[in-house]
């Protein structure tokens, strides 16, 4: 697929047909955490929500297990409480 000087691309007919995209349809490009971009028919809130869900699920998979494993739940709670106290004074 080639981008024109105006930043336009032609959506292949098979994809337009599958998504029900026709002249005048609204579409959205949704960027995922891994940098991939999804084309979503913009007039369908459910489709946008599903694309966002997939993007969030992908992001959560990528960050899973990357936290500081030396912290316990009690440590995190104590840090949170301390931050709240500092923010209020």
PDB file of N, CA and C in Angstrom:
ATOM      1  N   UNK A   1       0.849  -1.159   0.000  1.00  0.00           N
ATOM      2  CA  UNK A   1       0.000   0.000   0.000  1.00  0.00           C
ATOM      3  C   UNK A   1       0.901   1.231   0.000  1.00  0.00           C
ATOM      4  N   UNK A   2       0.577   2.183  -0.807  1.00  0.00           N
ATOM      5  CA  UNK A   2       1.389   3.391  -0.937  1.00  0.00           C
ATOM      6  C   UNK A   2       0.589   4.592  -0.431  1.00  0.00           C
ATOM      7  N   UNK A   3       1.273   5.505   0.237  1.00  0.00           N
ATOM      8  CA  UNK A   3       0.646   6.719   0.757  1.00  0.00           C
ATOM      9  C   UNK A   3       0.853   7.837  -0.254  1.00  0.00           C
ATOM     10  N   UNK A   4      -0.223   8.581  -0.556  1.00  0.00           N
ATOM     11  CA  UNK A   4      -0.114   9.700  -1.495  1.00  0.00           C
ATOM     12  C   UNK A   4       0.520  10.901  -0.801  1.00  0.00           C
ATOM     13  N   UNK A   5       0.825  11.933  -1.588  1.00  0.00           N
ATOM     14  CA  UNK A   5       1.402  13.154  -1.016  1.00  0.00           C
ATOM     15  C   UNK A   5       0.444  13.836  -0.051  1.00  0.00           C
ATOM     16  N   UNK A   6      -0.839  13.524  -0.145  1.00  0.00           N
ATOM     17  CA  UNK A   6      -1.837  14.085   0.778  1.00  0.00           C
ATOM     18  C   UNK A   6      -2.060  13.184   1.992  1.00  0.00           C
ATOM     19  N   UNK A   7      -1.260  12.123   2.119  1.00  0.00           N
ATOM     20  CA  UNK A   7      -1.391  11.215   3.258  1.00  0.00           C
ATOM     21  C   UNK A   7      -2.529  10.224   3.118  1.00  0.00           C
ATOM     22  N   UNK A   8      -3.004  10.005   1.912  1.00  0.00           N
ATOM     23  CA  UNK A   8      -4.131   9.105   1.689  1.00  0.00           C
ATOM     24  C   UNK A   8      -3.650   7.719   1.271  1.00  0.00           C
ATOM     25  N   UNK A   9      -4.448   6.711   1.631  1.00  0.00           N
ATOM     26  CA  UNK A   9      -4.207   5.343   1.177  1.00  0.00           C
ATOM     27  C   UNK A   9      -5.522   4.788   0.654  1.00  0.00           C
ATOM     28  N   UNK A  10      -5.430   3.809  -0.217  1.00  0.00           N
ATOM     29  CA  UNK A  10      -6.626   3.134  -0.705  1.00  0.00           C
ATOM     30  C   UNK A  10      -6.810   1.862   0.100  1.00  0.00           C
ATOM     31  N   UNK A  11      -7.969   1.742   0.726  1.00  0.00           N
ATOM     32  CA  UNK A  11      -8.282   0.541   1.498  1.00  0.00           C
ATOM     33  C   UNK A  11      -8.687  -0.542   0.501  1.00  0.00           C
ATOM     34  N   UNK A  12      -8.030  -1.692   0.529  1.00  0.00           N
ATOM     35  CA  UNK A  12      -8.373  -2.754  -0.422  1.00  0.00           C
ATOM     36  C   UNK A  12      -9.863  -3.117  -0.363  1.00  0.00           C
ATOM     37  N   UNK A  13     -10.423  -3.437  -1.521  1.00  0.00           N
ATOM     38  CA  UNK A  13     -11.851  -3.732  -1.637  1.00  0.00           C
ATOM     39  C   UNK A  13     -12.295  -4.843  -0.700  1.00  0.00           C
ATOM     40  N   UNK A  14     -11.483  -5.901  -0.559  1.00  0.00           N
ATOM     41  CA  UNK A  14     -11.873  -7.014   0.318  1.00  0.00           C
ATOM     42  C   UNK A  14     -12.085  -6.525   1.752  1.00  0.00           C
ATOM     43  N   UNK A  15     -11.214  -5.633   2.209  1.00  0.00           N
ATOM     44  CA  UNK A  15     -11.333  -5.108   3.573  1.00  0.00           C
ATOM     45  C   UNK A  15     -12.534  -4.183   3.674  1.00  0.00           C
ATOM     46  N   UNK A  16     -12.725  -3.312   2.672  1.00  0.00           N
ATOM     47  CA  UNK A  16     -13.902  -2.421   2.678  1.00  0.00           C
ATOM     48  C   UNK A  16     -15.183  -3.235   2.729  1.00  0.00           C
ATOM     49  N   UNK A  17     -15.248  -4.287   1.928  1.00  0.00           N
ATOM     50  CA  UNK A  17     -16.446  -5.133   1.907  1.00  0.00           C
ATOM     51  C   UNK A  17     -16.663  -5.822   3.254  1.00  0.00           C
ATOM     52  N   UNK A  18     -15.601  -6.372   3.831  1.00  0.00           N
ATOM     53  CA  UNK A  18     -15.708  -7.101   5.091  1.00  0.00           C
ATOM     54  C   UNK A  18     -16.155  -6.181   6.231  1.00  0.00           C
ATOM     55  N   UNK A  19     -15.649  -4.934   6.236  1.00  0.00           N
ATOM     56  CA  UNK A  19     -15.993  -3.994   7.306  1.00  0.00           C
ATOM     57  C   UNK A  19     -17.222  -3.149   6.991  1.00  0.00           C
ATOM     58  N   UNK A  20     -17.753  -3.292   5.779  1.00  0.00           N
ATOM     59  CA  UNK A  20     -18.922  -2.502   5.404  1.00  0.00           C
ATOM     60  C   UNK A  20     -18.589  -1.035   5.188  1.00  0.00           C
ATOM     61  N   UNK A  21     -17.373  -0.771   4.730  1.00  0.00           N
ATOM     62  CA  UNK A  21     -16.940   0.609   4.489  1.00  0.00           C
ATOM     63  C   UNK A  21     -17.280   0.973   3.053  1.00  0.00           C
ATOM     64  N   UNK A  22     -17.962   2.100   2.900  1.00  0.00           N
ATOM     65  CA  UNK A  22     -18.281   2.596   1.565  1.00  0.00           C
ATOM     66  C   UNK A  22     -18.002   4.088   1.530  1.00  0.00           C
ATOM     67  N   UNK A  23     -18.154   4.704   0.369  1.00  0.00           N
ATOM     68  CA  UNK A  23     -17.888   6.137   0.232  1.00  0.00           C
ATOM     69  C   UNK A  23     -18.668   6.907   1.297  1.00  0.00           C
ATOM     70  N   UNK A  24     -17.986   7.788   2.002  1.00  0.00           N
ATOM     71  CA  UNK A  24     -18.619   8.585   3.052  1.00  0.00           C
ATOM     72  C   UNK A  24     -18.557   7.963   4.437  1.00  0.00           C
ATOM     73  N   UNK A  25     -18.133   6.705   4.536  1.00  0.00           N
ATOM     74  CA  UNK A  25     -18.021   6.053   5.847  1.00  0.00           C
ATOM     75  C   UNK A  25     -16.917   6.719   6.660  1.00  0.00           C
ATOM     76  N   UNK A  26     -17.113   6.740   7.965  1.00  0.00           N
ATOM     77  CA  UNK A  26     -16.084   7.227   8.881  1.00  0.00           C
ATOM     78  C   UNK A  26     -15.226   6.035   9.298  1.00  0.00           C
ATOM     79  N   UNK A  27     -13.914   6.221   9.303  1.00  0.00           N
ATOM     80  CA  UNK A  27     -13.004   5.182   9.768  1.00  0.00           C
ATOM     81  C   UNK A  27     -12.025   5.804  10.755  1.00  0.00           C
ATOM     82  N   UNK A  28     -11.438   4.963  11.572  1.00  0.00           N
ATOM     83  CA  UNK A  28     -10.453   5.395  12.551  1.00  0.00           C
ATOM     84  C   UNK A  28      -9.246   4.488  12.476  1.00  0.00           C
ATOM     85  N   UNK A  29      -8.089   5.059  12.740  1.00  0.00           N
ATOM     86  CA  UNK A  29      -6.879   4.268  12.895  1.00  0.00           C
ATOM     87  C   UNK A  29      -6.575   4.232  14.382  1.00  0.00           C
ATOM     88  N   UNK A  30      -6.486   3.030  14.952  1.00  0.00           N
ATOM     89  CA  UNK A  30      -6.230   2.857  16.381  1.00  0.00           C
ATOM     90  C   UNK A  30      -4.838   2.262  16.538  1.00  0.00           C
ATOM     91  N   UNK A  31      -3.964   3.009  17.239  1.00  0.00           N
ATOM     92  CA  UNK A  31      -2.601   2.516  17.446  1.00  0.00           C
ATOM     93  C   UNK A  31      -2.549   1.612  18.663  1.00  0.00           C
ATOM     94  N   UNK A  32      -1.962   0.436  18.497  1.00  0.00           N
ATOM     95  CA  UNK A  32      -1.797  -0.515  19.601  1.00  0.00           C
ATOM     96  C   UNK A  32      -0.479  -0.248  20.309  1.00  0.00           C
ATOM     97  N   UNK A  33      -0.331  -0.843  21.469  1.00  0.00           N
ATOM     98  CA  UNK A  33       0.876  -0.647  22.280  1.00  0.00           C
ATOM     99  C   UNK A  33       2.132  -1.102  21.550  1.00  0.00           C
ATOM    100  N   UNK A  34       2.000  -2.113  20.684  1.00  0.00           N
ATOM    101  CA  UNK A  34       3.178  -2.620  19.973  1.00  0.00           C
ATOM    102  C   UNK A  34       3.508  -1.812  18.723  1.00  0.00           C
ATOM    103  N   UNK A  35       2.767  -0.717  18.496  1.00  0.00           N
ATOM    104  CA  UNK A  35       3.021   0.139  17.348  1.00  0.00           C
ATOM    105  C   UNK A  35       2.201  -0.214  16.124  1.00  0.00           C
ATOM    106  N   UNK A  36       1.547  -1.369  16.126  1.00  0.00           N
ATOM    107  CA  UNK A  36       0.687  -1.743  15.002  1.00  0.00           C
ATOM    108  C   UNK A  36      -0.545  -0.836  14.999  1.00  0.00           C
ATOM    109  N   UNK A  37      -1.125  -0.662  13.839  1.00  0.00           N
ATOM    110  CA  UNK A  37      -2.295   0.198  13.694  1.00  0.00           C
ATOM    111  C   UNK A  37      -3.450  -0.626  13.157  1.00  0.00           C
ATOM    112  N   UNK A  38      -4.627  -0.444  13.769  1.00  0.00           N
ATOM    113  CA  UNK A  38      -5.829  -1.139  13.316  1.00  0.00           C
ATOM    114  C   UNK A  38      -6.770  -0.141  12.656  1.00  0.00           C
ATOM    115  N   UNK A  39      -7.409  -0.566  11.587  1.00  0.00           N
ATOM    116  CA  UNK A  39      -8.430   0.229  10.924  1.00  0.00           C
ATOM    117  C   UNK A  39      -9.776  -0.179  11.503  1.00  0.00           C
ATOM    118  N   UNK A  40     -10.532   0.806  12.002  1.00  0.00           N
ATOM    119  CA  UNK A  40     -11.817   0.531  12.634  1.00  0.00           C
ATOM    120  C   UNK A  40     -12.863   1.432  11.998  1.00  0.00           C
ATOM    121  N   UNK A  41     -14.000   0.845  11.668  1.00  0.00           N
ATOM    122  CA  UNK A  41     -15.109   1.642  11.162  1.00  0.00           C
ATOM    123  C   UNK A  41     -15.556   2.572  12.277  1.00  0.00           C
ATOM    124  N   UNK A  42     -15.452   3.871  12.080  1.00  0.00           N
ATOM    125  CA  UNK A  42     -15.656   4.855  13.135  1.00  0.00           C
ATOM    126  C   UNK A  42     -17.081   5.061  13.587  1.00  0.00           C
ATOM    127  N   UNK A  43     -18.059   4.598  12.855  1.00  0.00           N
ATOM    128  CA  UNK A  43     -19.444   4.846  13.244  1.00  0.00           C
ATOM    129  C   UNK A  43     -19.986   3.767  14.162  1.00  0.00           C
ATOM    130  N   UNK A  44     -19.202   2.762  14.458  1.00  0.00           N
ATOM    131  CA  UNK A  44     -19.639   1.666  15.315  1.00  0.00           C
ATOM    132  C   UNK A  44     -18.926   1.744  16.660  1.00  0.00           C
ATOM    133  N   UNK A  45     -19.589   2.298  17.699  1.00  0.00           N
ATOM    134  CA  UNK A  45     -18.942   2.396  19.011  1.00  0.00           C
ATOM    135  C   UNK A  45     -18.451   1.046  19.526  1.00  0.00           C
ATOM    136  N   UNK A  46     -19.185  -0.016  19.268  1.00  0.00           N
ATOM    137  CA  UNK A  46     -18.760  -1.331  19.739  1.00  0.00           C
ATOM    138  C   UNK A  46     -17.438  -1.751  19.105  1.00  0.00           C
ATOM    139  N   UNK A  47     -17.262  -1.456  17.835  1.00  0.00           N
ATOM    140  CA  UNK A  47     -16.023  -1.823  17.156  1.00  0.00           C
ATOM    141  C   UNK A  47     -14.853  -1.036  17.731  1.00  0.00           C
ATOM    142  N   UNK A  48     -15.077   0.254  18.017  1.00  0.00           N
ATOM    143  CA  UNK A  48     -14.010   1.063  18.614  1.00  0.00           C
ATOM    144  C   UNK A  48     -13.658   0.532  19.991  1.00  0.00           C
ATOM    145  N   UNK A  49     -14.676   0.187  20.762  1.00  0.00           N
ATOM    146  CA  UNK A  49     -14.440  -0.342  22.110  1.00  0.00           C
ATOM    147  C   UNK A  49     -13.660  -1.650  22.033  1.00  0.00           C
ATOM    148  N   UNK A  50     -14.011  -2.506  21.073  1.00  0.00           N
ATOM    149  CA  UNK A  50     -13.290  -3.774  20.924  1.00  0.00           C
ATOM    150  C   UNK A  50     -11.835  -3.535  20.541  1.00  0.00           C
ATOM    151  N   UNK A  51     -11.599  -2.573  19.654  1.00  0.00           N
ATOM    152  CA  UNK A  51     -10.224  -2.260  19.261  1.00  0.00           C
ATOM    153  C   UNK A  51      -9.439  -1.725  20.452  1.00  0.00           C
ATOM    154  N   UNK A  52     -10.084  -0.881  21.258  1.00  0.00           N
ATOM    155  CA  UNK A  52      -9.427  -0.364  22.456  1.00  0.00           C
ATOM    156  C   UNK A  52      -9.141  -1.492  23.435  1.00  0.00           C
ATOM    157  N   UNK A  53     -10.108  -2.390  23.603  1.00  0.00           N
ATOM    158  CA  UNK A  53      -9.899  -3.544  24.487  1.00  0.00           C
ATOM    159  C   UNK A  53      -8.698  -4.369  24.032  1.00  0.00           C
ATOM    160  N   UNK A  54      -8.615  -4.627  22.725  1.00  0.00           N
ATOM    161  CA  UNK A  54      -7.482  -5.402  22.200  1.00  0.00           C
ATOM    162  C   UNK A  54      -6.172  -4.666  22.453  1.00  0.00           C
ATOM    163  N   UNK A  55      -6.202  -3.349  22.272  1.00  0.00           N
ATOM    164  CA  UNK A  55      -5.005  -2.559  22.493  1.00  0.00           C
ATOM    165  C   UNK A  55      -4.577  -2.601  23.956  1.00  0.00           C
ATOM    166  N   UNK A  56      -5.540  -2.472  24.867  1.00  0.00           N
ATOM    167  CA  UNK A  56      -5.227  -2.527  26.295  1.00  0.00           C
ATOM    168  C   UNK A  56      -4.742  -3.909  26.703  1.00  0.00           C
ATOM    169  N   UNK A  57      -5.401  -4.947  26.187  1.00  0.00           N
ATOM    170  CA  UNK A  57      -4.964  -6.310  26.495  1.00  0.00           C
ATOM    171  C   UNK A  57      -3.534  -6.529  26.022  1.00  0.00           C
ATOM    172  N   UNK A  58      -3.226  -6.028  24.843  1.00  0.00           N
ATOM    173  CA  UNK A  58      -1.876  -6.146  24.302  1.00  0.00           C
ATOM    174  C   UNK A  58      -0.888  -5.410  25.201  1.00  0.00           C
ATOM    175  N   UNK A  59      -1.240  -4.214  25.639  1.00  0.00           N
ATOM    176  CA  UNK A  59      -0.372  -3.425  26.514  1.00  0.00           C
ATOM    177  C   UNK A  59      -0.157  -4.138  27.846  1.00  0.00           C
ATOM    178  N   UNK A  60      -1.235  -4.659  28.436  1.00  0.00           N
ATOM    179  CA  UNK A  60      -1.108  -5.371  29.709  1.00  0.00           C
ATOM    180  C   UNK A  60      -0.208  -6.606  29.566  1.00  0.00           C
ATOM    181  N   UNK A  61      -0.338  -7.317  28.444  1.00  0.00           N
ATOM    182  CA  UNK A  61       0.532  -8.475  28.213  1.00  0.00           C
ATOM    183  C   UNK A  61       1.996  -8.048  28.148  1.00  0.00           C
ATOM    184  N   UNK A  62       2.249  -6.901  27.526  1.00  0.00           N
ATOM    185  CA  UNK A  62       3.629  -6.439  27.376  1.00  0.00           C
ATOM    186  C   UNK A  62       4.243  -6.004  28.696  1.00  0.00           C
ATOM    187  N   UNK A  63       3.442  -5.431  29.613  1.00  0.00           N
ATOM    188  CA  UNK A  63       4.023  -4.942  30.869  1.00  0.00           C
ATOM    189  C   UNK A  63       3.937  -5.957  31.996  1.00  0.00           C
ATOM    190  N   UNK A  64       3.207  -7.043  31.782  1.00  0.00           N
ATOM    191  CA  UNK A  64       3.056  -8.047  32.832  1.00  0.00           C
ATOM    192  C   UNK A  64       4.421  -8.564  33.277  1.00  0.00           C
ATOM    193  N   UNK A  65       4.617  -8.575  34.579  1.00  0.00           N
ATOM    194  CA  UNK A  65       5.853  -9.092  35.137  1.00  0.00           C
ATOM    195  C   UNK A  65       7.029  -8.139  35.082  1.00  0.00           C
ATOM    196  N   UNK A  66       6.790  -6.872  34.714  1.00  0.00           N
ATOM    197  CA  UNK A  66       7.901  -5.926  34.606  1.00  0.00           C
ATOM    198  C   UNK A  66       8.055  -5.064  35.850  1.00  0.00           C
ATOM    199  N   UNK A  67       7.186  -5.238  36.843  1.00  0.00           N
ATOM    200  CA  UNK A  67       7.267  -4.434  38.063  1.00  0.00           C
ATOM    201  C   UNK A  67       8.412  -4.878  38.959  1.00  0.00           C
ATOM    202  N   UNK A  68       8.637  -4.111  40.009  1.00  0.00           N
ATOM    203  CA  UNK A  68       9.680  -4.422  40.988  1.00  0.00           C
ATOM    204  C   UNK A  68       9.186  -5.554  41.868  1.00  0.00           C
ATOM    205  N   UNK A  69       9.745  -6.729  41.690  1.00  0.00           N
ATOM    206  CA  UNK A  69       9.274  -7.903  42.427  1.00  0.00           C
ATOM    207  C   UNK A  69       9.696  -7.881  43.890  1.00  0.00           C
ATOM    208  N   UNK A  70      10.543  -6.936  44.282  1.00  0.00           N
ATOM    209  CA  UNK A  70      10.967  -6.845  45.676  1.00  0.00           C
ATOM    210  C   UNK A  70       9.923  -6.162  46.557  1.00  0.00           C
ATOM    211  N   UNK A  71       8.910  -5.555  45.953  1.00  0.00           N
ATOM    212  CA  UNK A  71       7.878  -4.868  46.723  1.00  0.00           C
ATOM    213  C   UNK A  71       6.739  -5.822  47.041  1.00  0.00           C
ATOM    214  N   UNK A  72       6.311  -5.798  48.288  1.00  0.00           N
ATOM    215  CA  UNK A  72       5.142  -6.585  48.679  1.00  0.00           C
ATOM    216  C   UNK A  72       3.912  -5.694  48.568  1.00  0.00           C
ATOM    217  N   UNK A  73       2.745  -6.290  48.668  1.00  0.00           N
ATOM    218  CA  UNK A  73       1.505  -5.512  48.658  1.00  0.00           C
ATOM    219  C   UNK A  73       1.502  -4.521  49.820  1.00  0.00           C
ATOM    220  N   UNK A  74       2.004  -4.936  50.980  1.00  0.00           N
ATOM    221  CA  UNK A  74       2.077  -4.035  52.137  1.00  0.00           C
ATOM    222  C   UNK A  74       3.000  -2.850  51.854  1.00  0.00           C
ATOM    223  N   UNK A  75       4.127  -3.099  51.185  1.00  0.00           N
ATOM    224  CA  UNK A  75       5.044  -2.012  50.821  1.00  0.00           C
ATOM    225  C   UNK A  75       4.346  -0.996  49.922  1.00  0.00           C
ATOM    226  N   UNK A  76       3.632  -1.502  48.929  1.00  0.00           N
ATOM    227  CA  UNK A  76       2.940  -0.623  47.985  1.00  0.00           C
ATOM    228  C   UNK A  76       1.862   0.176  48.699  1.00  0.00           C
ATOM    229  N   UNK A  77       1.107  -0.467  49.578  1.00  0.00           N
ATOM    230  CA  UNK A  77       0.068   0.242  50.340  1.00  0.00           C
ATOM    231  C   UNK A  77       0.691   1.333  51.207  1.00  0.00           C
ATOM    232  N   UNK A  78       1.814   1.032  51.854  1.00  0.00           N
ATOM    233  CA  UNK A  78       2.485   2.025  52.697  1.00  0.00           C
ATOM    234  C   UNK A  78       2.965   3.202  51.852  1.00  0.00           C
ATOM    235  N   UNK A  79       3.524   2.922  50.682  1.00  0.00           N
ATOM    236  CA  UNK A  79       3.982   3.992  49.801  1.00  0.00           C
ATOM    237  C   UNK A  79       2.813   4.849  49.338  1.00  0.00           C
ATOM    238  N   UNK A  80       1.692   4.220  49.041  1.00  0.00           N
ATOM    239  CA  UNK A  80       0.510   4.950  48.595  1.00  0.00           C
ATOM    240  C   UNK A  80      -0.007   5.849  49.706  1.00  0.00           C
ATOM    241  N   UNK A  81      -0.098   5.323  50.902  1.00  0.00           N
ATOM    242  CA  UNK A  81      -0.567   6.124  52.039  1.00  0.00           C
ATOM    243  C   UNK A  81       0.369   7.295  52.281  1.00  0.00           C
ATOM    244  N   UNK A  82       1.668   7.065  52.240  1.00  0.00           N
ATOM    245  CA  UNK A  82       2.636   8.141  52.449  1.00  0.00           C
ATOM    246  C   UNK A  82       2.485   9.226  51.397  1.00  0.00           C
ATOM    247  N   UNK A  83       2.249   8.841  50.160  1.00  0.00           N
ATOM    248  CA  UNK A  83       2.080   9.825  49.092  1.00  0.00           C
ATOM    249  C   UNK A  83       0.851  10.669  49.341  1.00  0.00           C
ATOM    250  N   UNK A  84      -0.259  10.032  49.766  1.00  0.00           N
ATOM    251  CA  UNK A  84      -1.485  10.767  50.050  1.00  0.00           C
ATOM    252  C   UNK A  84      -1.254  11.796  51.145  1.00  0.00           C
ATOM    253  N   UNK A  85      -0.509  11.437  52.174  1.00  0.00           N
ATOM    254  CA  UNK A  85      -0.235  12.357  53.280  1.00  0.00           C
ATOM    255  C   UNK A  85       0.597  13.528  52.778  1.00  0.00           C
ATOM    256  N   UNK A  86       1.631  13.269  51.991  1.00  0.00           N
ATOM    257  CA  UNK A  86       2.479  14.348  51.463  1.00  0.00           C
ATOM    258  C   UNK A  86       1.689  15.267  50.549  1.00  0.00           C
ATOM    259  N   UNK A  87       0.798  14.716  49.718  1.00  0.00           N
ATOM    260  CA  UNK A  87       0.032  15.525  48.773  1.00  0.00           C
ATOM    261  C   UNK A  87      -0.938  16.461  49.480  1.00  0.00           C
ATOM    262  N   UNK A  88      -1.412  16.091  50.661  1.00  0.00           N
ATOM    263  CA  UNK A  88      -2.405  16.900  51.374  1.00  0.00           C
ATOM    264  C   UNK A  88      -1.780  17.986  52.234  1.00  0.00           C
ATOM    265  N   UNK A  89      -0.464  18.011  52.388  1.00  0.00           N
ATOM    266  CA  UNK A  89       0.179  19.026  53.233  1.00  0.00           C
ATOM    267  C   UNK A  89       1.021  19.967  52.432  1.00  0.00           C
TER     268      UNK A  89
END
